[in-house]
C-alpha atoms as a PDB file:
ATOM      1  CA  MET A   1      -1.580  39.661  -4.687  1.00  0.00           C
ATOM      2  CA  THR A   2      -1.466  37.835  -8.111  1.00  0.00           C
ATOM      3  CA  VAL A   3       0.518  34.854  -8.157  1.00  0.00           C
ATOM      4  CA  ASP A   4       2.747  34.590 -11.455  1.00  0.00           C
ATOM      5  CA  ASP A   5       2.527  31.133 -13.495  1.00  0.00           C
ATOM      6  CA  GLY A   6       6.113  30.777 -13.046  1.00  0.00           C
ATOM      7  CA  THR A   7       5.474  30.241  -9.209  1.00  0.00           C
ATOM      8  CA  LEU A   8       2.898  27.835  -9.557  1.00  0.00           C
ATOM      9  CA  ASP A   9       4.810  25.956 -12.046  1.00  0.00           C
ATOM     10  CA  ARG A  10       7.873  25.512  -9.587  1.00  0.00           C
ATOM     11  CA  ALA A  11       5.573  24.687  -6.592  1.00  0.00           C
ATOM     12  CA  ARG A  12       3.849  22.016  -8.905  1.00  0.00           C
ATOM     13  CA  ALA A  13       6.950  20.793  -9.936  1.00  0.00           C
ATOM     14  CA  ILE A  14       8.008  20.238  -6.634  1.00  0.00           C
ATOM     15  CA  PHE A  15       4.912  18.531  -5.515  1.00  0.00           C
ATOM     16  CA  VAL A  16       5.100  16.015  -8.586  1.00  0.00           C
ATOM     17  CA  ASP A  17       8.926  15.163  -8.013  1.00  0.00           C
ATOM     18  CA  GLY A  18       8.356  14.322  -4.290  1.00  0.00           C
ATOM     19  CA  MET A  19       5.410  12.612  -5.028  1.00  0.00           C
ATOM     20  CA  GLY A  20       7.216  10.351  -7.389  1.00  0.00           C
ATOM     21  CA  ALA A  21      10.103   9.741  -4.894  1.00  0.00           C
ATOM     22  CA  ALA A  22       7.459   8.652  -2.062  1.00  0.00           C
ATOM     23  CA  SER A  23       5.509   6.549  -4.600  1.00  0.00           C
ATOM     24  CA  ALA A  24       8.996   4.635  -5.804  1.00  0.00           C
ATOM     25  CA  THR A  25       9.510   3.570  -2.280  1.00  0.00           C
ATOM     26  CA  SER A  26       5.972   2.848  -1.386  1.00  0.00           C
ATOM     27  CA  GLY A  27       5.585  -0.910  -2.760  1.00  0.00           C
ATOM     28  CA  VAL A  28       2.629   0.034  -4.018  1.00  0.00           C
ATOM     29  CA  LEU A  29       2.828   2.626  -7.038  1.00  0.00           C
ATOM     30  CA  SER A  30       5.862   3.373  -9.503  1.00  0.00           C
ATOM     31  CA  GLN A  31       7.614   6.624  -9.655  1.00  0.00           C
ATOM     32  CA  LEU A  32       5.694   7.370 -12.733  1.00  0.00           C
ATOM     33  CA  GLN A  33       2.271   6.627 -11.268  1.00  0.00           C
ATOM     34  CA  GLY A  34       3.014   8.815  -8.046  1.00  0.00           C
ATOM     35  CA  ARG A  35       4.082  11.763 -10.671  1.00  0.00           C
ATOM     36  CA  ILE A  36       0.699  11.035 -12.544  1.00  0.00           C
ATOM     37  CA  PHE A  37      -1.554  11.406  -9.392  1.00  0.00           C
ATOM     38  CA  ALA A  38       0.118  14.467  -8.619  1.00  0.00           C
ATOM     39  CA  VAL A  39      -0.281  16.184 -11.711  1.00  0.00           C
ATOM     40  CA  LEU A  40      -3.995  15.272 -11.372  1.00  0.00           C
ATOM     41  CA  TYR A  41      -4.185  16.296  -8.095  1.00  0.00           C
ATOM     42  CA  LEU A  42      -3.250  19.832  -8.274  1.00  0.00           C
ATOM     43  CA  ARG A  43      -5.700  20.499 -11.212  1.00  0.00           C
ATOM     44  CA  ASP A  44      -8.921  21.648 -10.774  1.00  0.00           C
ATOM     45  CA  GLU A  45     -10.291  20.096 -14.380  1.00  0.00           C
ATOM     46  CA  PRO A  46     -10.094  16.500 -15.355  1.00  0.00           C
ATOM     47  CA  LEU A  47      -7.016  16.317 -17.730  1.00  0.00           C
ATOM     48  CA  SER A  48      -6.760  13.871 -20.823  1.00  0.00           C
ATOM     49  CA  LEU A  49      -4.180  11.302 -21.563  1.00  0.00           C
ATOM     50  CA  ASP A  50      -2.437  13.901 -23.865  1.00  0.00           C
ATOM     51  CA  GLU A  51      -2.365  16.801 -21.177  1.00  0.00           C
ATOM     52  CA  ILE A  52      -0.810  14.384 -18.786  1.00  0.00           C
ATOM     53  CA  ALA A  53       1.944  13.154 -21.177  1.00  0.00           C
ATOM     54  CA  GLN A  54       2.827  16.519 -22.011  1.00  0.00           C
ATOM     55  CA  ALA A  55       2.940  17.570 -18.577  1.00  0.00           C
ATOM     56  CA  LEU A  56       5.315  14.862 -17.602  1.00  0.00           C
ATOM     57  CA  GLN A  57       7.007  14.603 -20.648  1.00  0.00           C
ATOM     58  CA  GLN A  58       6.109  11.061 -21.414  1.00  0.00           C
ATOM     59  CA  SER A  59       4.706   9.286 -24.151  1.00  0.00           C
ATOM     60  CA  LYS A  60       0.840   8.732 -24.155  1.00  0.00           C
ATOM     61  CA  SER A  61       0.888   5.212 -24.418  1.00  0.00           C
ATOM     62  CA  ASN A  62       3.246   5.129 -20.731  1.00  0.00           C
ATOM     63  CA  ILE A  63       0.684   7.300 -19.389  1.00  0.00           C
ATOM     64  CA  SER A  64      -2.272   5.014 -20.434  1.00  0.00           C
ATOM     65  CA  THR A  65      -0.645   2.009 -19.101  1.00  0.00           C
ATOM     66  CA  ASN A  66       0.594   3.626 -15.580  1.00  0.00           C
ATOM     67  CA  ILE A  67      -2.755   5.224 -15.270  1.00  0.00           C
ATOM     68  CA  ARG A  68      -4.701   1.905 -15.204  1.00  0.00           C
ATOM     69  CA  GLY A  69      -3.152   0.901 -11.704  1.00  0.00           C
ATOM     70  CA  LEU A  70      -4.094   4.140 -10.299  1.00  0.00           C
ATOM     71  CA  VAL A  71      -7.410   3.743 -11.375  1.00  0.00           C
ATOM     72  CA  GLU A  72      -7.319   0.237 -10.070  1.00  0.00           C
ATOM     73  CA  TRP A  73      -6.214   1.724  -6.572  1.00  0.00           C
ATOM     74  CA  HIS A  74      -8.962   4.398  -6.696  1.00  0.00           C
ATOM     75  CA  LEU A  75      -6.228   6.931  -6.851  1.00  0.00           C
ATOM     76  CA  VAL A  76      -7.496   7.966 -10.160  1.00  0.00           C
ATOM     77  CA  ARG A  77     -10.994   8.048 -11.820  1.00  0.00           C
ATOM     78  CA  ARG A  78     -11.957   8.404 -15.248  1.00  0.00           C
ATOM     79  CA  VAL A  79     -14.570  10.992 -16.234  1.00  0.00           C
ATOM     80  CA  ALA A  80     -16.492  12.383 -19.215  1.00  0.00           C
ATOM     81  CA  VAL A  81     -16.015  15.681 -20.305  1.00  0.00           C
ATOM     82  CA  PRO A  82     -18.775  17.435 -22.468  1.00  0.00           C
ATOM     83  CA  ASN A  83     -18.093  17.611 -26.160  1.00  0.00           C
ATOM     84  CA  SER A  84     -15.030  15.516 -25.842  1.00  0.00           C
ATOM     85  CA  ARG A  85     -14.823  11.546 -26.807  1.00  0.00           C
ATOM     86  CA  LYS A  86     -11.101  11.306 -25.153  1.00  0.00           C
ATOM     87  CA  ASP A  87     -10.660   9.918 -21.804  1.00  0.00           C
ATOM     88  CA  HIS A  88     -10.245  12.244 -18.977  1.00  0.00           C
ATOM     89  CA  TYR A  89      -8.873  11.412 -15.484  1.00  0.00           C
ATOM     90  CA  GLU A  90      -9.064  13.223 -12.235  1.00  0.00           C
ATOM     91  CA  SER A  91      -7.620  12.350  -8.774  1.00  0.00           C
ATOM     92  CA  ALA A  92      -8.966  11.086  -6.004  1.00  0.00           C
ATOM     93  CA  ALA A  93      -9.723  13.462  -2.935  1.00  0.00           C
ATOM     94  CA  ASP A  94     -11.095  10.874  -0.335  1.00  0.00           C
ATOM     95  CA  PHE A  95      -7.958   9.618   1.212  1.00  0.00           C
ATOM     96  CA  TRP A  96      -9.545   7.863   4.074  1.00  0.00           C
ATOM     97  CA  ARG A  97     -11.487   5.523   1.187  1.00  0.00           C
ATOM     98  CA  VAL A  98      -8.056   5.080  -0.549  1.00  0.00           C
ATOM     99  CA  MET A  99      -6.010   3.979   2.454  1.00  0.00           C
ATOM    100  CA  GLN A 100      -8.731   1.559   3.207  1.00  0.00           C
ATOM    101  CA  GLU A 101      -8.281   0.112  -0.266  1.00  0.00           C
ATOM    102  CA  ILE A 102      -4.692   0.006   0.087  1.00  0.00           C
ATOM    103  CA  MET A 103      -4.386  -1.309   3.570  1.00  0.00           C
ATOM    104  CA  GLU A 104      -7.083  -4.084   2.972  1.00  0.00           C
ATOM    105  CA  ARG A 105      -5.669  -5.282  -0.560  1.00  0.00           C
ATOM    106  CA  ARG A 106      -2.200  -4.631  -0.183  1.00  0.00           C
ATOM    107  CA  PHE A 107      -0.931  -4.909   3.264  1.00  0.00           C
ATOM    108  CA  ARG A 108      -3.742  -7.424   4.893  1.00  0.00           C
ATOM    109  CA  TRP A 109      -3.237  -9.889   2.344  1.00  0.00           C
ATOM    110  CA  ASN A 110       0.328 -10.004   2.986  1.00  0.00           C
ATOM    111  CA  ILE A 111      -0.262 -10.034   6.935  1.00  0.00           C
ATOM    112  CA  ARG A 112      -2.566 -13.204   6.281  1.00  0.00           C
ATOM    113  CA  GLN A 113       0.125 -14.991   4.172  1.00  0.00           C
ATOM    114  CA  VAL A 114       2.016 -14.641   7.371  1.00  0.00           C
ATOM    115  CA  ILE A 115      -0.120 -16.023   9.654  1.00  0.00           C
ATOM    116  CA  ALA A 116      -1.225 -19.155   7.365  1.00  0.00           C
ATOM    117  CA  THR A 117       2.476 -19.934   7.087  1.00  0.00           C
ATOM    118  CA  CYS A 118       3.179 -19.873  11.039  1.00  0.00           C
ATOM    119  CA  ASP A 119       0.081 -22.056  10.975  1.00  0.00           C
ATOM    120  CA  GLU A 120       1.306 -24.417   8.444  1.00  0.00           C
ATOM    121  CA  THR A 121       4.923 -24.300   9.792  1.00  0.00           C
ATOM    122  CA  ALA A 122       3.459 -24.976  13.060  1.00  0.00           C
ATOM    123  CA  ARG A 123       1.596 -27.772  12.042  1.00  0.00           C
ATOM    124  CA  ALA A 124       4.366 -29.527  10.520  1.00  0.00           C
ATOM    125  CA  ALA A 125       6.798 -29.066  13.593  1.00  0.00           C
ATOM    126  CA  ARG A 126       3.858 -31.069  15.472  1.00  0.00           C
ATOM    127  CA  SER A 127       3.929 -34.019  13.000  1.00  0.00           C
ATOM    128  CA  ASP A 128       4.273 -37.501  14.608  1.00  0.00           C
ATOM    129  CA  ASP A 129       6.228 -38.573  11.791  1.00  0.00           C
ATOM    130  CA  PRO A 130       8.913 -40.811  13.220  1.00  0.00           C
ATOM    131  CA  ALA A 131      11.439 -39.792  10.553  1.00  0.00           C
ATOM    132  CA  ALA A 132      10.893 -35.945  11.859  1.00  0.00           C
ATOM    133  CA  SER A 133      14.074 -34.782  13.211  1.00  0.00           C
ATOM    134  CA  GLY A 134      15.127 -32.254  16.247  1.00  0.00           C
ATOM    135  CA  THR A 135      14.823 -32.362  19.874  1.00  0.00           C
ATOM    136  CA  GLU A 136      12.215 -31.416  22.005  1.00  0.00           C
ATOM    137  CA  GLY A 137      13.666 -28.127  23.012  1.00  0.00           C
ATOM    138  CA  GLU A 138      14.098 -27.014  19.347  1.00  0.00           C
ATOM    139  CA  ARG A 139      10.401 -27.618  18.608  1.00  0.00           C
ATOM    140  CA  SER A 140       9.452 -25.884  21.698  1.00  0.00           C
ATOM    141  CA  PHE A 141      11.940 -22.960  20.598  1.00  0.00           C
ATOM    142  CA  MET A 142      10.325 -22.883  17.114  1.00  0.00           C
ATOM    143  CA  GLU A 143       6.607 -23.173  18.339  1.00  0.00           C
ATOM    144  CA  THR A 144       7.201 -20.223  20.775  1.00  0.00           C
ATOM    145  CA  ARG A 145       8.912 -18.074  17.658  1.00  0.00           C
ATOM    146  CA  LEU A 146       6.009 -19.084  15.490  1.00  0.00           C
ATOM    147  CA  GLU A 147       3.558 -18.082  17.737  1.00  0.00           C
ATOM    148  CA  ALA A 148       5.044 -14.921  18.618  1.00  0.00           C
ATOM    149  CA  LEU A 149       4.723 -13.780  14.988  1.00  0.00           C
ATOM    150  CA  ARG A 150       1.469 -15.158  14.499  1.00  0.00           C
ATOM    151  CA  THR A 151       0.185 -13.365  17.468  1.00  0.00           C
ATOM    152  CA  PHE A 152       1.752 -10.179  16.031  1.00  0.00           C
ATOM    153  CA  ALA A 153       0.567 -10.483  12.607  1.00  0.00           C
ATOM    154  CA  ALA A 154      -2.849 -11.399  13.919  1.00  0.00           C
ATOM    155  CA  ALA A 155      -2.836  -7.770  16.012  1.00  0.00           C
ATOM    156  CA  VAL A 156      -1.632  -6.060  12.850  1.00  0.00           C
ATOM    157  CA  ASP A 157      -4.473  -7.564  10.868  1.00  0.00           C
ATOM    158  CA  ALA A 158      -6.961  -6.636  13.443  1.00  0.00           C
ATOM    159  CA  GLY A 159      -5.756  -3.218  13.515  1.00  0.00           C
ATOM    160  CA  ILE A 160      -6.073  -3.126   9.769  1.00  0.00           C
ATOM    161  CA  GLU A 161      -9.613  -4.229  10.063  1.00  0.00           C
ATOM    162  CA  ALA A 162     -10.238  -1.618  12.570  1.00  0.00           C
ATOM    163  CA  PHE A 163      -8.879   1.045  10.513  1.00  0.00           C
ATOM    164  CA  ALA A 164     -11.136  -0.139   7.879  1.00  0.00           C
ATOM    165  CA  ARG A 165     -14.113   0.239   9.809  1.00  0.00           C
ATOM    166  CA  GLY A 166     -12.965   3.568  11.018  1.00  0.00           C
ATOM    167  CA  GLU A 167     -12.435   2.393  14.399  1.00  0.00           C
ATOM    168  CA  PRO A 168      -9.486   3.570  16.592  1.00  0.00           C
ATOM    169  CA  ILE A 169      -6.425   1.457  17.020  1.00  0.00           C
ATOM    170  CA  THR A 170      -5.133   1.029  20.095  1.00  0.00           C
ATOM    171  CA  PRO A 171      -1.462  -0.137  21.286  1.00  0.00           C
ATOM    172  CA  GLU A 172      -2.637  -2.510  23.841  1.00  0.00           C
ATOM    173  CA  PRO A 173      -3.094  -5.891  21.771  1.00  0.00           C
ATOM    174  CA  PHE A 174       0.439  -5.140  20.267  1.00  0.00           C
ATOM    175  CA  GLN A 175       2.218  -4.647  23.723  1.00  0.00           C
ATOM    176  CA  ALA A 176       0.866  -7.974  24.955  1.00  0.00           C
ATOM    177  CA  ILE A 177       2.908  -9.890  22.430  1.00  0.00           C
ATOM    178  CA  PRO A 178       5.797 -11.537  23.877  1.00  0.00           C
ATOM    179  CA  ILE A 179       8.476 -10.696  20.861  1.00  0.00           C
ATOM    180  CA  ARG A 180      11.783 -11.348  22.329  1.00  0.00           C
ATOM    181  CA  ALA A 181      14.582 -13.473  22.187  1.00  0.00           C
ATOM    182  CA  VAL A 182      14.067 -16.883  23.719  1.00  0.00           C
ATOM    183  CA  GLY A 183      16.432 -18.163  25.751  1.00  0.00           C
ATOM    184  CA  ARG A 184      19.893 -18.947  23.870  1.00  0.00           C
ATOM    185  CA  ARG A 185      22.508 -20.999  25.363  1.00  0.00           C
END
């Protein structure tokens, strides 16, 4: 049975649009970057910037600008094509490595910012400055909340570390975290 080109073109268009939509909400890639990745992913040969631009009906300069981010995230790589002086690109196929990179560079940095902010805030709350305001109850409430958030963030950080090493991530560290409303009066 032969599949006509129109059927495959429609299938590719669905994938390109879907990956663009998913990327637009990812916080990592733009919609166009998702679409560029999708075009390359469903091709069995590398494409030039001109070919990608034509497939997406975009300018070559717009594709060039957006493809740099994909290269940086290791989702796309530049490859040499014999007898061509143009830049050609192909998509990554090792998603485990790509996700390790994204988790490490994007999410882990954010989680570590949360941990550092909790630590700095807790130090400030414990200051012996006589001008510091607040009751001991308020200070205790704040410290409890900060510790709960810090503990959760540290567990997420450990989970990302385990993921990056290819180890299983178990729910036990997360279940032991006392994240609940602290007695409100």
